[in-house]
Amino acid sequence: MSRHSNQSAAAGATMRVTGTAGETLTLTLSGRLDLAGTTALWPQVCDLIDRHRPRHLRLAAEDVDYCDGTGIGLLLDCERRTTMSGGTFELLGLREEFGRLRGQFDLAQLASVPSLAPRPGGFAEATGRATLQTLQALRDLVFFTGELSVALLRALRRPRSIRWRDVSMTVEKAGVDGFPIVALLSFLVGLIMAFQAAIPMRQFGTEIYVANLIGLATLRELAPLMTAIILAGRSASAFAAEIGTMKINEELDALTTMGLEPVPFLVVTRVLAALFVTPLLTLFANLFGLLGGSVVLLSLNYPLVTYIRQVQSAVTLGDALGGLIKSLVFGVIIAAVGCLQGLRTETGASAVGHAATRAVVSGIVLIVIGDGVFSVLYYYLGV
């Protein structure tokens, strides 16, 4: 046996090559195998094993004074590297308390953990995965719709069971705080549409019919649609972020443990608040959209009373009610989608952000689809 001494010290942890005989390598570890010592020592031990590739590795640990989970990880890695190359491993002299810690880990199970590296997939695999995710999302939507419908019916039968204080707080956040942006955008859109419509109508001397266009478009289409899209960006994302954070913090599990289901306790209040807020904001959007159009007619030297009478002659109460009915449905979509995406939040640092993004995108898509359904329905009903 040829013996030589090669010592490496790292923050209290020491490794010595105490013997090499044929295909056997003997290493002696001493000191503190804690986070600091093991982290510095680990690359040196692994490099030595990879260079020698011993058929038998003998690891002496009689002089190890302290060993935590990081040190156990070093011992396991030494054994793993040796066995993967076809060799055998022998651990000598490890103290009993450290041995019990080592016994909690099974190298065979650790070696079978799959790699986290992404594996490239083909077109068929990507299509199948996307289809499966879509079907799972549809299944969750159906289950959630049924559960929410039952919860709303129970709440209507027993109004005292509704947490009205939470409803009023949500109304304030979604409605009062969202009023300025709804009013501003509605005014600007009405102003822009009126200017764009006045350009071709001036060629025929019919600028007064800009009032008809603004009145019909605002009350029937633009006001409810813009209000819903704004609330989807503000409220749906907020609902998803709030409930998603609660899920990650295991607050939803705590509610279930206390016998409180998340849908009646959290979702119903937000849906009721959206049902109240969306039509109210739509009314203000109607008002400010018409005000935006009036600015253009005033600039074209039409008196305000003429604009008002022209709008009154062009629109009816049915036009205003049709837009408000749309806004009721849009409010339910906004609150339900936001809460659903919050309940479907996964784990991870970016999970809440992804849930909020899905809530906004899904909400806007469903709002546009719903608006198309209403347009076809109103056409065949002659509304």
Foldseek 3Di string as FASTA:
>chain_A
DDADWDWDFWPFKIKIFGDDDPLETEIEIAGEADDRRLVVCLVVLVVVCVVSLGQEYEYEYQHHPYHDPSNLVSVLVNQVSNVVSNHHYHYPNDDPVVVVVNVVDDSVVVVPDDDPDDDDDDPVVVVVVVVVVVVVVVVLVVVLVVVLVVLLVVCVVPVVVAPVVLLVVLLCQLAVVCLVVLLVVLLVVLQVQLVVVQVVVVVVPPSLCSLLVLLLCLQQPDLLLVLLLSSLLRPLLVLLLVLLVCVQVCVQVVCVVVVHHCCNHPLNSQLVSLLVRQLVSSVSSSVSSSVSNLVVVVVVVDDSVSSVVSSVVNDDPVSNVNSSVLSNVSSNLSSSLSNSLSVVFDDDDCSSVVSSVSSSVVSSVVSVVSSVVSVVVCVVVVD
